[in-house]
Amino acid sequence: NLFNKGEYMDLILYSDPTKIYKVLMSEPASFDSIYYMGESITYQIKLTVSPYKYLLDNHLISMASQQIIINPTLYTAKPYFVMYGAGDGLIHVNGKNFVVEGISGHIVVNSAMMMGYRIFVQPPLTKEHLQNGIYNSMLNENRKIKFREYPILNPGENVIFWGGDGITNMDMLPQWRSLT
């Protein structure tokens, strides 16, 4: 049942401990009644693996108002940004502006999901909740996103700055990824 959730799950292989694989169960498990071990039974599952592997060393970064971020891989990254404050905001990445209107508390701009949302947790939101994706519920805030293409981080240097009338700070989880 661990892999039977209808969505990609994280898997870290002992043979590649620095990367996270995204896997999805592609067929129902097949149970073999050949080998019994106590009350256990052997079974086989078939997994579909997403082509990208995500680097395990991927931490939430508190962003200065302007910063250069180095993408250490040869592939684009689809980060998520968390903007805090109240009012309109702007994320500027590599010459492109990404406008968000009507922020109330915080908003997550998730490039991989192509979505804007707020998350709710008990107790109040912390960096650990954001880093580990732990939350009780999310509220769709796509109506506040005023762009079609979401920010990506190119290989090498990326110039990022943020601003807006009520934005106090911003965090980013780069989500570095690789095919190798």
Protein backbone atom coordinates (compact mmCIF):
# COMPACT_ATOMS: atom_id res chain seq x y z
CA ASN A 1 0.00 0.00 0.00
CA LEU A 2 2.97 2.34 0.43
CA PHE A 3 3.29 2.84 -3.34
CA ASN A 4 -0.44 2.51 -4.13
CA LYS A 5 -1.44 6.15 -3.59
CA GLY A 6 -2.11 7.17 -7.20
CA GLU A 7 0.70 9.74 -7.18
CA TYR A 8 4.46 9.78 -7.42
CA MET A 9 6.19 8.92 -4.15
CA ASP A 10 9.75 9.61 -3.03
CA LEU A 11 12.17 6.68 -3.05
CA ILE A 12 15.84 6.75 -2.02
CA LEU A 13 17.83 3.75 -3.24
CA TYR A 14 20.73 2.36 -1.22
CA SER A 15 22.74 2.26 -4.47
CA ASP A 16 22.21 6.02 -5.06
CA PRO A 17 21.79 7.63 -1.62
CA THR A 18 22.26 11.25 -2.80
CA LYS A 19 19.16 11.35 -5.04
CA ILE A 20 15.41 11.03 -4.62
CA TYR A 21 13.55 9.03 -7.26
CA LYS A 22 9.86 9.73 -7.97
CA VAL A 23 8.07 6.39 -8.38
CA LEU A 24 4.48 5.35 -9.08
CA MET A 25 3.02 1.85 -8.85
CA SER A 26 2.07 0.98 -12.44
CA GLU A 27 0.30 -2.37 -11.89
CA PRO A 28 -1.35 -4.09 -8.93
CA ALA A 29 1.00 -6.16 -6.79
CA SER A 30 1.30 -9.84 -7.73
CA PHE A 31 1.44 -12.21 -4.79
CA ASP A 32 3.35 -15.48 -5.03
CA SER A 33 2.50 -18.30 -2.68
CA ILE A 34 5.82 -20.04 -3.32
CA TYR A 35 7.88 -18.90 -0.34
CA TYR A 36 6.40 -18.57 3.10
CA MET A 37 8.30 -17.02 5.94
CA GLY A 38 6.20 -17.33 9.04
CA GLU A 39 3.02 -15.47 8.12
CA SER A 40 4.70 -13.48 5.33
CA ILE A 41 4.29 -14.00 1.61
CA THR A 42 6.47 -12.79 -1.26
CA TYR A 43 5.11 -10.34 -3.78
CA GLN A 44 6.25 -8.31 -6.73
CA ILE A 45 5.43 -4.70 -7.59
CA LYS A 46 6.10 -2.83 -10.82
CA LEU A 47 7.04 0.82 -10.52
CA THR A 48 7.17 3.61 -13.08
CA VAL A 49 10.06 5.96 -12.40
CA SER A 50 10.02 9.65 -13.33
CA PRO A 51 13.03 10.49 -15.52
CA TYR A 52 14.41 13.16 -13.20
CA LYS A 53 16.21 12.35 -9.98
CA TYR A 54 16.09 15.08 -7.34
CA LEU A 55 19.17 15.90 -5.30
CA LEU A 56 18.78 15.00 -1.64
CA ASP A 57 20.93 17.98 -0.64
CA ASN A 58 18.16 20.48 -1.37
CA HIS A 59 17.44 22.99 1.39
CA LEU A 60 15.13 25.93 1.82
CA ILE A 61 17.02 29.17 1.13
CA SER A 62 16.09 32.48 2.77
CA MET A 63 16.35 34.93 -0.11
CA ALA A 64 17.92 38.35 0.14
CA SER A 65 16.10 41.01 -1.88
CA GLN A 66 18.58 40.31 -4.71
CA GLN A 67 20.67 37.19 -4.96
CA ILE A 68 22.61 35.03 -7.40
CA ILE A 69 21.83 31.33 -7.10
CA ILE A 70 24.05 28.73 -8.78
CA ASN A 71 22.31 25.67 -10.20
CA PRO A 72 24.92 22.90 -9.73
CA THR A 73 23.32 20.55 -12.27
CA LEU A 74 23.15 20.50 -16.07
CA TYR A 75 19.34 20.62 -15.99
CA THR A 76 16.74 23.28 -15.28
CA ALA A 77 15.18 23.24 -11.82
CA LYS A 78 11.54 23.94 -11.03
CA PRO A 79 11.71 25.68 -7.66
CA TYR A 80 9.04 26.76 -5.30
CA PHE A 81 9.01 30.17 -3.72
CA VAL A 82 7.25 31.18 -0.51
CA MET A 83 6.41 34.88 -0.36
CA TYR A 84 5.46 36.35 3.03
CA GLY A 85 3.52 39.54 3.69
CA ALA A 86 0.31 41.25 2.64
CA GLY A 87 -0.22 42.88 -0.73
CA ASP A 88 1.16 42.48 -4.21
CA GLY A 89 4.52 40.90 -4.93
CA LEU A 90 6.97 40.27 -7.71
CA ILE A 91 9.57 37.57 -8.29
CA HIS A 92 12.15 38.43 -10.94
CA VAL A 93 14.14 35.45 -12.27
CA ASN A 94 16.71 35.78 -15.07
CA GLY A 95 15.07 38.79 -16.72
CA LYS A 96 11.44 37.62 -16.35
CA ASN A 97 8.87 39.07 -13.96
CA PHE A 98 6.35 36.90 -12.11
CA VAL A 99 3.59 38.97 -10.46
CA VAL A 100 1.46 37.74 -7.55
CA GLU A 101 -1.48 39.86 -6.35
CA GLY A 102 -3.26 40.01 -3.01
CA ILE A 103 -0.93 37.96 -0.83
CA SER A 104 -2.38 37.44 2.64
CA GLY A 105 0.14 35.98 5.08
CA HIS A 106 2.05 33.81 2.60
CA ILE A 107 1.73 32.19 -0.79
CA VAL A 108 3.66 29.28 -2.30
CA VAL A 109 4.51 29.64 -6.00
CA ASN A 110 5.29 26.05 -7.03
CA SER A 111 6.86 25.77 -10.49
CA ALA A 112 6.82 21.95 -10.55
CA MET A 113 3.07 21.84 -9.84
CA MET A 114 2.41 25.07 -11.81
CA MET A 115 0.27 26.29 -8.96
CA GLY A 116 -0.08 28.93 -6.26
CA TYR A 117 -1.40 27.96 -2.83
CA ARG A 118 -1.33 28.62 0.89
CA ILE A 119 -0.62 25.83 3.36
CA PHE A 120 -2.06 25.35 6.82
CA VAL A 121 -0.39 23.53 9.69
CA GLN A 122 -0.67 23.13 13.44
CA PRO A 123 1.31 24.73 15.13
CA PRO A 124 2.03 27.85 12.99
CA LEU A 125 4.02 27.53 9.75
CA THR A 126 7.78 26.95 10.13
CA LYS A 127 10.65 26.38 7.70
CA GLU A 128 10.62 22.67 8.63
CA HIS A 129 7.03 22.37 7.38
CA LEU A 130 8.03 23.92 4.05
CA GLN A 131 11.28 21.94 3.72
CA ASN A 132 9.61 18.59 4.39
CA GLY A 133 6.23 19.22 2.75
CA ILE A 134 4.34 18.65 6.00
CA TYR A 135 0.99 20.42 6.21
CA ASN A 136 -2.62 19.74 7.15
CA SER A 137 -4.29 21.35 4.15
CA MET A 138 -3.74 23.71 1.25
CA LEU A 139 -5.86 26.50 -0.18
CA ASN A 140 -5.77 27.05 -3.94
CA GLU A 141 -4.55 30.60 -4.66
CA ASN A 142 -4.16 30.31 -8.45
CA ARG A 143 -6.37 33.37 -8.94
CA LYS A 144 -3.55 35.47 -7.45
CA ILE A 145 -0.93 34.19 -9.92
CA LYS A 146 -0.66 36.63 -12.85
CA PHE A 147 1.61 34.65 -15.20
CA ARG A 148 1.40 31.53 -17.36
CA GLU A 149 4.96 30.27 -17.41
CA TYR A 150 6.43 29.55 -13.99
CA PRO A 151 9.97 30.46 -12.89
CA ILE A 152 12.76 27.99 -13.65
CA LEU A 153 16.40 27.99 -12.60
CA ASN A 154 18.82 27.45 -15.48
CA PRO A 155 22.11 25.56 -15.14
CA GLY A 156 24.77 27.89 -13.73
CA GLU A 157 24.07 31.43 -12.54
CA ASN A 158 20.52 32.68 -11.87
CA VAL A 159 19.77 36.26 -10.85
CA ILE A 160 16.74 36.48 -8.56
CA PHE A 161 15.15 39.42 -6.79
CA TRP A 162 11.79 40.02 -5.23
CA GLY A 163 9.75 43.01 -4.19
CA GLY A 164 6.29 44.44 -3.76
CA ASP A 165 4.36 46.84 -1.60
CA GLY A 166 3.73 44.46 1.28
CA ILE A 167 6.23 41.63 0.86
CA THR A 168 8.49 41.20 3.90
CA ASN A 169 10.63 38.22 2.88
CA MET A 170 10.86 35.20 0.61
CA ASP A 171 12.16 31.63 0.82
CA MET A 172 12.98 29.28 -2.05
CA LEU A 173 13.38 25.51 -2.35
CA PRO A 174 15.36 25.06 -5.60
CA GLN A 175 14.49 21.37 -6.25
CA TRP A 176 17.74 20.60 -8.11
CA ARG A 177 17.32 17.65 -10.46
CA SER A 178 19.35 15.49 -12.79
CA LEU A 179 18.94 12.69 -15.32
CA THR A 180 22.11 10.90 -14.20
